[in-house]
Amino acid sequence: MGTDKSGSARNDVMHTCYNIIMFQKVTHLLFRNTTAKQTIVKNIFWLFTGQFLSRVIRASLVIYAARILGAAHWGAFSYALGVAALLTIFSDIGINALITKEATREPEWKHYYIATAFFIKLVLLSFFVLGVIFFFPYLTNIPEAAAIMPILIFVFAFDTMRDLGSAISRSLEKMQIEAGINVFTNIAIVVLGFLALTISPTPRSLAFAYALGSGLGFTAIVIILRHYFKNLLTHFRASLIPLILFSAWPFGLLGIMGALNLNTDIVMIGWLRTPEELGFYSAAQKLIHLLYIFPTLLAASVFPLLTRNASHNPAYAKAVLEKAVALILLIAVPLVLIGLLVSAPLIHLLYGAEYGASLATFRILLITLLIVYPSSIIGNAVFAYDHQKSFVVFVLVSAFGNVLFNALLIPRFGIEGAAISTVITQCITNFLIWRKMKSINNFSVFTRIKSLLRLT
């Protein structure tokens, strides 16, 4: 009997030790940077977890709001929020990406870049807020959208400044900070959104919930990264302003191109069609945006590695790029096929029968996954090789093409025309990006795809 008890106690001790060892291994894997491969895995895990949970959590509010508000009111809210999203991108002009890149390359200058970038963003933010206050009433014929835009300005302001904190966490390669803040912010927005719509089911109530939740997210990241924010005045360097502005704007072009592709449709549908149609298009587009999570996260995870090795170890950087693009294509193809098969029941389940008009738009926009998935990584690689000025041409093509094809197709084909316009513009623009990267580093994707398929 005594032997049994001692054996049981010994087993309990061994089990406890095993749990402690496993906990330490998981902690080392997810919270420390030890090797390049482990750091990529860790960053992918945190970015994926944070973005996936954030988008799923936010999607629950989007679906609920679309059902409660109806297509017309949801369309008005989507229009105003789309304009706010555009302003967030334009007010950044690539500063966040520059902070990530330069702080990775020159850690000793990190505090000076962050402090100077903070004040640059603050000035730009002030100009854009004043511009919205004066000019937004002239940019829409949807009165309900104009009424809530002053509230959504705060969403734009808080998101802009919170993104600087995300850039700091990426430069530290501590994506767990960004992931945690994203999840917290979206939980705050969703909880407040459900409460607001329960009390008063109007776009105005939802706008207040978005603004307050975004403000809580900004406050949280300032508290966590207070070490980098507490000495902003002493670390500010006026001499860095021209350097940051000159170096950042090419980075901003990638964000602007993405913003134009995602939000120009919403703005032009708001001009050319009805709020109901805008609501239908937004419902389909939100689901597609949720699927854009995969290339965004993989691109963000490999970007620091590409940046460090692009000039010193180009063969290694090329291999990383090829593997990343091959992997993301193997994710994109089945997603598109599955999406086409389940599109009808999915739209009906999530939004209800009223949103059946979104179905054709959703199916057309699914095609963009085959374009956006590889090009998100390739576009970041162009920046890693310091060829970001090439994006001047890409952005001009994207902006002109989107507006031109929307103007031609929306009046005739409605929201389906806007979706077709997006596909055409993305095909043209991303072909140019792919060709540029091939000229920089003659990477090959299809051999990597074959290798990955053999592994499966």
Protein backbone atom coordinates (compact mmCIF):
# COMPACT_ATOMS: atom_id res chain seq x y z
CA MET A 1 0.00 0.00 0.00
CA GLY A 2 2.82 2.38 0.91
CA THR A 3 4.55 1.51 -2.35
CA ASP A 4 1.39 2.42 -4.30
CA LYS A 5 1.16 5.76 -2.54
CA SER A 6 4.81 6.59 -3.14
CA GLY A 7 4.47 5.55 -6.79
CA SER A 8 1.39 7.72 -7.19
CA ALA A 9 3.15 10.67 -5.56
CA ARG A 10 6.15 10.15 -7.82
CA ASN A 11 3.85 10.12 -10.87
CA ASP A 12 2.19 13.34 -9.70
CA VAL A 13 5.58 15.00 -9.31
CA MET A 14 6.69 13.83 -12.75
CA HIS A 15 3.41 15.02 -14.28
CA THR A 16 3.82 18.43 -12.62
CA CYS A 17 7.42 18.71 -13.83
CA TYR A 18 6.32 17.76 -17.35
CA ASN A 19 3.63 20.47 -17.30
CA ILE A 20 6.15 23.05 -16.09
CA ILE A 21 8.62 22.10 -18.82
CA MET A 22 5.92 22.24 -21.51
CA PHE A 23 4.73 25.61 -20.19
CA GLN A 24 8.28 26.95 -20.37
CA LYS A 25 8.66 25.66 -23.94
CA VAL A 26 5.40 27.29 -25.02
CA THR A 27 6.43 30.52 -23.29
CA HIS A 28 9.79 30.52 -25.07
CA LEU A 29 8.10 29.80 -28.40
CA LEU A 30 5.39 32.46 -28.16
CA PHE A 31 7.00 35.26 -26.12
CA ARG A 32 10.72 35.28 -26.96
CA ASN A 33 12.79 35.75 -30.12
CA THR A 34 15.49 33.06 -30.27
CA THR A 35 16.04 32.05 -33.92
CA ALA A 36 14.88 33.48 -37.25
CA LYS A 37 12.56 30.53 -37.92
CA GLN A 38 11.10 30.57 -34.40
CA THR A 39 10.56 34.34 -34.58
CA ILE A 40 8.64 34.00 -37.86
CA VAL A 41 6.49 31.20 -36.39
CA LYS A 42 5.85 33.25 -33.25
CA ASN A 43 4.98 36.39 -35.21
CA ILE A 44 2.68 34.51 -37.59
CA PHE A 45 0.93 32.90 -34.62
CA TRP A 46 0.31 36.19 -32.83
CA LEU A 47 -0.62 38.17 -35.93
CA PHE A 48 -2.95 35.43 -37.12
CA THR A 49 -4.52 34.94 -33.69
CA GLY A 50 -4.93 38.66 -33.09
CA GLN A 51 -6.23 39.53 -36.55
CA PHE A 52 -8.42 36.45 -36.88
CA LEU A 53 -10.05 36.90 -33.49
CA SER A 54 -10.38 40.66 -34.07
CA ARG A 55 -12.03 40.26 -37.46
CA VAL A 56 -14.33 37.46 -36.32
CA ILE A 57 -15.34 39.46 -33.26
CA ARG A 58 -15.92 42.59 -35.39
CA ALA A 59 -17.75 40.51 -38.02
CA SER A 60 -20.31 39.48 -35.40
CA LEU A 61 -21.17 43.15 -34.88
CA VAL A 62 -21.19 43.84 -38.64
CA ILE A 63 -23.63 40.99 -39.26
CA TYR A 64 -25.86 42.02 -36.35
CA ALA A 65 -25.81 45.69 -37.34
CA ALA A 66 -26.58 44.90 -40.99
CA ARG A 67 -29.60 42.86 -39.90
CA ILE A 68 -30.85 45.36 -37.30
CA LEU A 69 -30.29 48.55 -39.32
CA GLY A 70 -31.40 47.22 -42.70
CA ALA A 71 -29.63 47.73 -46.02
CA ALA A 72 -30.26 51.50 -46.34
CA HIS A 73 -29.10 52.52 -42.83
CA TRP A 74 -26.23 50.03 -42.94
CA GLY A 75 -25.21 51.46 -46.31
CA ALA A 76 -25.10 54.99 -44.87
CA PHE A 77 -22.94 53.84 -41.96
CA SER A 78 -20.63 51.89 -44.29
CA TYR A 79 -20.17 54.93 -46.51
CA ALA A 80 -19.11 57.17 -43.61
CA LEU A 81 -16.86 54.45 -42.17
CA GLY A 82 -15.28 53.89 -45.60
CA VAL A 83 -14.37 57.57 -45.83
CA ALA A 84 -12.90 57.39 -42.31
CA ALA A 85 -10.80 54.37 -43.36
CA LEU A 86 -9.48 56.26 -46.38
CA LEU A 87 -8.50 59.18 -44.17
CA THR A 88 -6.65 56.84 -41.78
CA ILE A 89 -4.48 55.59 -44.66
CA PHE A 90 -3.86 59.02 -46.20
CA SER A 91 -2.90 60.56 -42.85
CA ASP A 92 -0.22 57.92 -42.31
CA ILE A 93 1.66 58.43 -45.63
CA GLY A 94 3.76 55.35 -44.86
CA ILE A 95 5.13 56.48 -41.50
CA ASN A 96 4.16 53.27 -39.69
CA ALA A 97 5.93 51.04 -42.22
CA LEU A 98 9.00 53.29 -42.09
CA ILE A 99 9.13 53.05 -38.29
CA THR A 100 9.00 49.25 -38.50
CA LYS A 101 11.76 49.17 -41.10
CA GLU A 102 14.15 51.76 -39.65
CA ALA A 103 13.75 50.67 -36.04
CA THR A 104 14.63 47.14 -37.15
CA ARG A 105 17.69 48.35 -39.04
CA GLU A 106 18.89 50.96 -36.52
CA PRO A 107 17.65 50.05 -33.01
CA GLU A 108 19.74 52.82 -31.41
CA TRP A 109 17.65 55.46 -33.27
CA LYS A 110 14.33 53.85 -32.41
CA HIS A 111 13.21 56.38 -29.76
CA TYR A 112 14.03 59.36 -31.97
CA TYR A 113 12.13 57.98 -34.95
CA ILE A 114 9.10 57.15 -32.81
CA ALA A 115 8.94 60.56 -31.10
CA THR A 116 9.36 62.52 -34.32
CA ALA A 117 6.86 60.32 -36.17
CA PHE A 118 4.33 60.85 -33.37
CA PHE A 119 4.32 64.62 -33.81
CA ILE A 120 4.28 64.38 -37.61
CA LYS A 121 1.20 62.15 -37.42
CA LEU A 122 -0.40 64.53 -34.93
CA VAL A 123 -0.01 67.48 -37.31
CA LEU A 124 -1.26 65.50 -40.31
CA LEU A 125 -4.18 64.23 -38.25
CA SER A 126 -5.19 67.77 -37.31
CA PHE A 127 -5.22 68.87 -40.95
CA PHE A 128 -7.34 65.91 -42.04
CA VAL A 129 -9.83 66.36 -39.19
CA LEU A 130 -10.33 70.01 -40.11
CA GLY A 131 -10.67 69.04 -43.77
CA VAL A 132 -13.38 66.50 -42.98
CA ILE A 133 -15.32 68.96 -40.84
CA PHE A 134 -15.40 71.52 -43.65
CA PHE A 135 -15.68 69.38 -46.79
CA PHE A 136 -17.47 66.11 -45.93
CA PRO A 137 -21.00 67.56 -46.26
CA TYR A 138 -20.15 68.27 -49.92
CA LEU A 139 -18.84 64.73 -50.56
CA THR A 140 -22.07 62.81 -50.03
CA ASN A 141 -25.73 62.99 -50.91
CA ILE A 142 -26.61 60.64 -48.03
CA PRO A 143 -27.77 62.87 -45.14
CA GLU A 144 -27.48 60.08 -42.56
CA ALA A 145 -23.81 59.53 -43.46
CA ALA A 146 -23.09 63.26 -43.15
CA ALA A 147 -24.73 63.31 -39.71
CA ILE A 148 -22.51 60.60 -38.20
CA MET A 149 -19.21 61.61 -39.81
CA PRO A 150 -18.26 64.05 -36.98
CA ILE A 151 -18.44 61.08 -34.59
CA LEU A 152 -16.47 58.74 -36.84
CA ILE A 153 -13.70 61.36 -37.05
CA PHE A 154 -12.71 60.14 -33.58
CA VAL A 155 -12.50 56.55 -34.86
CA PHE A 156 -10.16 57.80 -37.57
CA ALA A 157 -8.06 59.78 -35.07
CA PHE A 158 -7.72 57.00 -32.47
CA ASP A 159 -7.00 54.32 -35.10
CA THR A 160 -4.32 56.49 -36.70
CA MET A 161 -2.43 56.95 -33.45
CA ARG A 162 -2.94 53.35 -32.32
CA ASP A 163 -1.37 52.17 -35.58
CA LEU A 164 1.86 53.90 -34.53
CA GLY A 165 1.91 51.67 -31.45
CA SER A 166 1.42 48.64 -33.69
CA ALA A 167 4.39 49.77 -35.79
CA ILE A 168 6.51 49.96 -32.62
CA SER A 169 5.55 46.43 -31.59
CA ARG A 170 6.39 45.15 -35.09
CA SER A 171 9.78 46.84 -35.00
CA LEU A 172 10.44 45.00 -31.73
CA GLU A 173 9.13 41.81 -33.38
CA LYS A 174 6.73 41.50 -30.43
CA MET A 175 3.55 40.97 -32.38
CA GLN A 176 1.88 39.65 -29.22
CA ILE A 177 1.43 43.28 -28.15
CA GLU A 178 -0.30 44.24 -31.39
CA ALA A 179 -2.43 41.08 -31.28
CA GLY A 180 -3.58 41.69 -27.72
CA ILE A 181 -4.47 45.32 -28.38
CA ASN A 182 -6.37 44.46 -31.57
CA VAL A 183 -8.45 41.85 -29.77
CA PHE A 184 -9.10 44.17 -26.83
CA THR A 185 -10.12 47.04 -29.12
CA ASN A 186 -12.53 44.93 -31.11
CA ILE A 187 -14.06 43.36 -28.02
CA ALA A 188 -14.65 46.88 -26.69
CA ILE A 189 -16.22 48.01 -29.99
CA VAL A 190 -18.43 44.91 -30.24
CA VAL A 191 -19.65 45.00 -26.62
CA LEU A 192 -20.39 48.72 -26.86
CA GLY A 193 -21.93 48.22 -30.31
CA PHE A 194 -24.36 45.54 -29.16
CA LEU A 195 -25.33 47.67 -26.16
CA ALA A 196 -25.81 50.76 -28.32
CA LEU A 197 -27.94 48.95 -30.92
CA THR A 198 -30.03 47.35 -28.18
CA ILE A 199 -30.76 50.74 -26.61
CA SER A 200 -31.13 52.67 -29.87
CA PRO A 201 -30.82 50.78 -33.20
CA THR A 202 -29.49 53.68 -35.29
CA PRO A 203 -26.26 54.40 -37.22
CA ARG A 204 -25.55 57.24 -34.78
CA SER A 205 -25.53 54.89 -31.78
CA LEU A 206 -23.25 52.48 -33.63
CA ALA A 207 -20.89 55.34 -34.53
CA PHE A 208 -20.57 56.33 -30.86
CA ALA A 209 -19.74 52.70 -29.97
CA TYR A 210 -17.02 52.55 -32.63
CA ALA A 211 -15.48 55.83 -31.44
CA LEU A 212 -15.44 54.89 -27.75
CA GLY A 213 -14.07 51.39 -28.42
CA SER A 214 -11.32 52.76 -30.66
CA GLY A 215 -10.41 55.29 -27.95
CA LEU A 216 -10.07 52.52 -25.38
CA GLY A 217 -7.75 50.63 -27.75
CA PHE A 218 -5.52 53.67 -28.20
CA THR A 219 -5.36 54.20 -24.44
CA ALA A 220 -4.39 50.56 -23.90
CA ILE A 221 -1.47 50.58 -26.34
CA VAL A 222 -0.13 53.85 -24.88
CA ILE A 223 -0.14 52.27 -21.42
CA ILE A 224 1.62 49.09 -22.59
CA LEU A 225 4.23 50.96 -24.67
CA ARG A 226 4.54 53.89 -22.24
CA HIS A 227 8.33 53.43 -22.22
CA TYR A 228 8.37 54.63 -25.84
CA PHE A 229 5.73 57.35 -25.39
CA LYS A 230 6.79 58.94 -22.09
CA ASN A 231 9.76 60.97 -23.42
CA LEU A 232 8.35 62.13 -26.73
CA LEU A 233 9.40 65.75 -26.31
CA THR A 234 12.99 64.98 -25.32
CA HIS A 235 13.43 62.43 -28.12
CA PHE A 236 11.85 64.61 -30.81
CA ARG A 237 14.36 65.57 -33.51
CA ALA A 238 13.33 68.25 -36.00
CA SER A 239 16.21 67.17 -38.24
CA LEU A 240 14.46 63.82 -38.79
CA ILE A 241 11.26 65.40 -40.15
CA PRO A 242 12.42 65.82 -43.79
CA LEU A 243 14.10 62.40 -43.69
CA ILE A 244 10.94 60.70 -42.41
CA LEU A 245 8.64 62.50 -44.85
CA PHE A 246 10.91 61.83 -47.83
CA SER A 247 11.48 58.18 -46.91
CA ALA A 248 7.94 57.39 -45.75
CA TRP A 249 5.82 58.52 -48.69
CA PRO A 250 6.80 55.58 -50.94
CA PHE A 251 5.69 53.23 -48.13
CA GLY A 252 2.42 55.12 -47.98
CA LEU A 253 1.79 54.32 -51.61
CA LEU A 254 1.20 50.63 -50.82
CA GLY A 255 -1.34 51.54 -48.15
CA ILE A 256 -2.98 54.10 -50.41
CA MET A 257 -3.26 51.54 -53.20
CA GLY A 258 -4.90 49.06 -50.85
CA ALA A 259 -7.24 51.72 -49.47
CA LEU A 260 -8.26 52.79 -52.96
CA ASN A 261 -9.01 49.20 -53.95
CA LEU A 262 -11.05 48.62 -50.79
CA ASN A 263 -12.89 51.91 -50.34
CA THR A 264 -13.21 53.68 -53.71
CA ASP A 265 -16.05 51.31 -54.60
CA ILE A 266 -17.97 52.26 -51.46
CA VAL A 267 -17.54 55.99 -52.09
CA MET A 268 -18.51 55.82 -55.78
CA ILE A 269 -21.51 53.56 -55.16
CA GLY A 270 -22.59 56.13 -52.57
CA TRP A 271 -22.43 58.79 -55.29
CA LEU A 272 -23.95 56.82 -58.16
CA ARG A 273 -26.44 54.37 -56.60
CA THR A 274 -28.83 54.06 -53.66
CA PRO A 275 -27.99 53.54 -49.96
CA GLU A 276 -29.68 50.10 -50.17
CA GLU A 277 -27.30 48.97 -52.93
CA LEU A 278 -24.40 50.37 -50.92
CA GLY A 279 -25.51 48.23 -47.98
CA PHE A 280 -25.65 45.11 -50.15
CA TYR A 281 -22.16 45.75 -51.55
CA SER A 282 -20.72 46.46 -48.12
CA ALA A 283 -22.14 43.21 -46.74
CA ALA A 284 -20.35 41.18 -49.43
CA GLN A 285 -17.17 43.22 -49.17
CA LYS A 286 -16.91 42.78 -45.38
CA LEU A 287 -16.74 38.99 -45.80
CA ILE A 288 -14.00 39.33 -48.42
CA HIS A 289 -12.04 41.65 -46.12
CA LEU A 290 -12.20 38.96 -43.44
CA LEU A 291 -10.53 36.54 -45.87
CA TYR A 292 -7.74 39.04 -46.63
CA ILE A 293 -6.31 38.26 -43.20
CA PHE A 294 -4.03 35.43 -44.37
CA PRO A 295 -1.72 37.30 -46.80
CA THR A 296 -1.64 40.37 -44.56
CA LEU A 297 -0.36 38.38 -41.62
CA LEU A 298 2.15 36.31 -43.55
CA ALA A 299 3.51 39.43 -45.28
CA ALA A 300 3.90 41.26 -41.96
CA SER A 301 5.65 38.26 -40.40
CA VAL A 302 8.28 37.79 -43.13
CA PHE A 303 8.87 41.51 -43.81
CA PRO A 304 11.50 42.03 -41.05
CA LEU A 305 13.34 38.91 -42.23
CA LEU A 306 13.30 40.08 -45.87
CA THR A 307 14.48 43.55 -44.81
CA ARG A 308 17.46 42.18 -42.88
CA ASN A 309 18.57 39.78 -45.62
CA ALA A 310 17.65 41.53 -48.89
CA SER A 311 21.09 43.11 -49.31
CA HIS A 312 23.33 40.88 -47.16
CA ASN A 313 21.92 37.45 -48.02
CA PRO A 314 19.80 37.76 -51.20
CA ALA A 315 19.65 34.01 -51.82
CA TYR A 316 18.08 33.44 -48.41
CA ALA A 317 15.65 36.35 -48.91
CA LYS A 318 14.67 34.91 -52.29
CA ALA A 319 13.96 31.51 -50.74
CA VAL A 320 11.81 33.10 -48.01
CA LEU A 321 9.84 35.05 -50.62
CA GLU A 322 9.27 32.00 -52.82
CA LYS A 323 8.09 29.84 -49.94
CA ALA A 324 5.76 32.54 -48.62
CA VAL A 325 4.13 33.19 -52.02
CA ALA A 326 3.78 29.47 -52.76
CA LEU A 327 2.19 28.84 -49.37
CA ILE A 328 -0.30 31.67 -49.70
CA LEU A 329 -1.36 30.53 -53.18
CA LEU A 330 -2.03 27.05 -51.81
CA ILE A 331 -4.33 28.69 -49.27
CA ALA A 332 -6.06 30.99 -51.79
CA VAL A 333 -7.16 28.41 -54.37
CA PRO A 334 -9.21 26.15 -52.04
CA LEU A 335 -10.67 29.19 -50.28
CA VAL A 336 -12.04 30.51 -53.58
CA LEU A 337 -13.48 27.12 -54.56
CA ILE A 338 -15.11 26.58 -51.17
CA GLY A 339 -16.41 30.15 -51.16
CA LEU A 340 -18.11 29.69 -54.53
CA LEU A 341 -19.75 26.47 -53.36
CA VAL A 342 -21.14 27.80 -50.07
CA SER A 343 -21.76 31.44 -51.06
CA ALA A 344 -25.57 31.26 -51.27
CA PRO A 345 -26.26 29.55 -47.92
CA LEU A 346 -23.50 31.63 -46.28
CA ILE A 347 -25.02 34.99 -47.26
CA HIS A 348 -28.50 33.83 -46.25
CA LEU A 349 -27.29 32.44 -42.92
CA LEU A 350 -25.27 35.52 -41.94
CA TYR A 351 -27.36 38.40 -43.26
CA GLY A 352 -30.81 36.99 -43.98
CA ALA A 353 -32.94 36.84 -47.13
CA GLU A 354 -32.90 40.65 -47.52
CA TYR A 355 -29.23 40.50 -48.54
CA GLY A 356 -29.68 38.00 -51.37
CA ALA A 357 -28.74 40.84 -53.73
CA SER A 358 -25.19 40.61 -52.32
CA LEU A 359 -24.61 37.10 -53.67
CA ALA A 360 -23.33 37.92 -57.19
CA THR A 361 -21.06 40.64 -55.81
CA PHE A 362 -19.60 38.25 -53.24
CA ARG A 363 -18.85 35.63 -55.90
CA ILE A 364 -17.10 38.15 -58.14
CA LEU A 365 -15.02 39.57 -55.27
CA LEU A 366 -13.88 36.06 -54.33
CA ILE A 367 -11.70 36.13 -57.46
CA THR A 368 -9.63 38.90 -55.87
CA LEU A 369 -8.21 36.38 -53.38
CA LEU A 370 -6.17 34.82 -56.20
CA ILE A 371 -4.73 38.27 -56.96
CA VAL A 372 -4.35 39.87 -53.54
CA TYR A 373 -2.92 36.87 -51.69
CA PRO A 374 0.40 36.56 -53.56
CA SER A 375 0.70 40.28 -54.34
CA SER A 376 0.47 41.31 -50.68
CA ILE A 377 3.71 39.45 -50.00
CA ILE A 378 5.39 40.48 -53.27
CA GLY A 379 4.52 44.14 -52.67
CA ASN A 380 6.16 44.02 -49.25
CA ALA A 381 9.21 42.38 -50.82
CA VAL A 382 9.57 45.34 -53.20
CA PHE A 383 9.83 47.57 -50.13
CA ALA A 384 12.32 45.25 -48.44
CA TYR A 385 14.59 45.67 -51.47
CA ASP A 386 14.27 49.49 -51.29
CA HIS A 387 12.42 49.81 -54.61
CA GLN A 388 9.37 51.46 -53.03
CA LYS A 389 9.40 54.42 -55.42
CA SER A 390 8.13 52.05 -58.11
CA PHE A 391 4.79 52.24 -56.34
CA VAL A 392 4.20 55.72 -57.72
CA VAL A 393 3.25 54.12 -61.04
CA PHE A 394 1.31 51.31 -59.35
CA VAL A 395 -0.79 53.69 -57.27
CA LEU A 396 -1.54 55.96 -60.22
CA VAL A 397 -2.65 52.95 -62.28
CA SER A 398 -4.76 51.66 -59.37
CA ALA A 399 -6.40 55.02 -58.67
CA PHE A 400 -7.09 55.87 -62.31
CA GLY A 401 -8.24 52.34 -63.17
CA ASN A 402 -10.56 52.06 -60.19
CA VAL A 403 -12.26 55.38 -60.84
CA LEU A 404 -12.45 54.82 -64.61
CA PHE A 405 -13.87 51.29 -64.49
CA ASN A 406 -16.26 52.20 -61.66
CA ALA A 407 -17.54 55.19 -63.65
CA LEU A 408 -18.07 52.96 -66.69
CA LEU A 409 -19.52 49.89 -64.98
CA ILE A 410 -21.47 51.06 -61.89
CA PRO A 411 -24.13 53.08 -63.78
CA ARG A 412 -24.83 50.13 -66.08
CA PHE A 413 -24.30 47.07 -63.88
CA GLY A 414 -24.74 48.47 -60.36
CA ILE A 415 -22.82 46.89 -57.50
CA GLU A 416 -21.76 43.94 -59.67
CA GLY A 417 -20.06 46.49 -61.93
CA ALA A 418 -18.10 47.81 -58.94
CA ALA A 419 -16.95 44.28 -58.13
CA ILE A 420 -15.86 43.66 -61.74
CA SER A 421 -14.01 47.00 -61.68
CA THR A 422 -12.10 45.87 -58.59
CA VAL A 423 -11.05 42.60 -60.23
CA ILE A 424 -9.89 44.30 -63.44
CA THR A 425 -7.93 47.01 -61.61
CA GLN A 426 -6.27 44.54 -59.26
CA CYS A 427 -5.25 42.30 -62.17
CA ILE A 428 -3.54 45.19 -63.95
CA THR A 429 -1.88 46.69 -60.88
CA ASN A 430 -0.66 43.47 -59.35
CA PHE A 431 0.71 42.25 -62.68
CA LEU A 432 2.94 45.34 -62.63
CA ILE A 433 4.01 44.63 -59.04
CA TRP A 434 4.80 41.00 -59.84
CA ARG A 435 6.82 42.00 -62.93
CA LYS A 436 8.79 44.57 -60.91
CA MET A 437 9.74 42.03 -58.26
CA LYS A 438 10.81 39.55 -60.94
CA SER A 439 13.22 42.17 -62.28
CA ILE A 440 14.66 42.76 -58.78
CA ASN A 441 14.95 39.15 -57.69
CA ASN A 442 14.07 36.56 -60.30
CA PHE A 443 12.05 34.43 -57.90
CA SER A 444 10.21 31.29 -58.97
CA VAL A 445 6.99 30.23 -57.29
CA PHE A 446 5.77 27.15 -59.14
CA THR A 447 8.74 24.95 -58.20
CA ARG A 448 8.10 25.86 -54.56
CA ILE A 449 4.42 24.97 -54.94
CA LYS A 450 5.40 21.54 -56.26
CA SER A 451 7.74 21.07 -53.30
CA LEU A 452 5.03 22.01 -50.81
CA LEU A 453 2.51 19.71 -52.50
CA ARG A 454 4.96 16.81 -52.29
CA LEU A 455 5.28 17.43 -48.56
CA THR A 456 1.53 17.01 -48.19
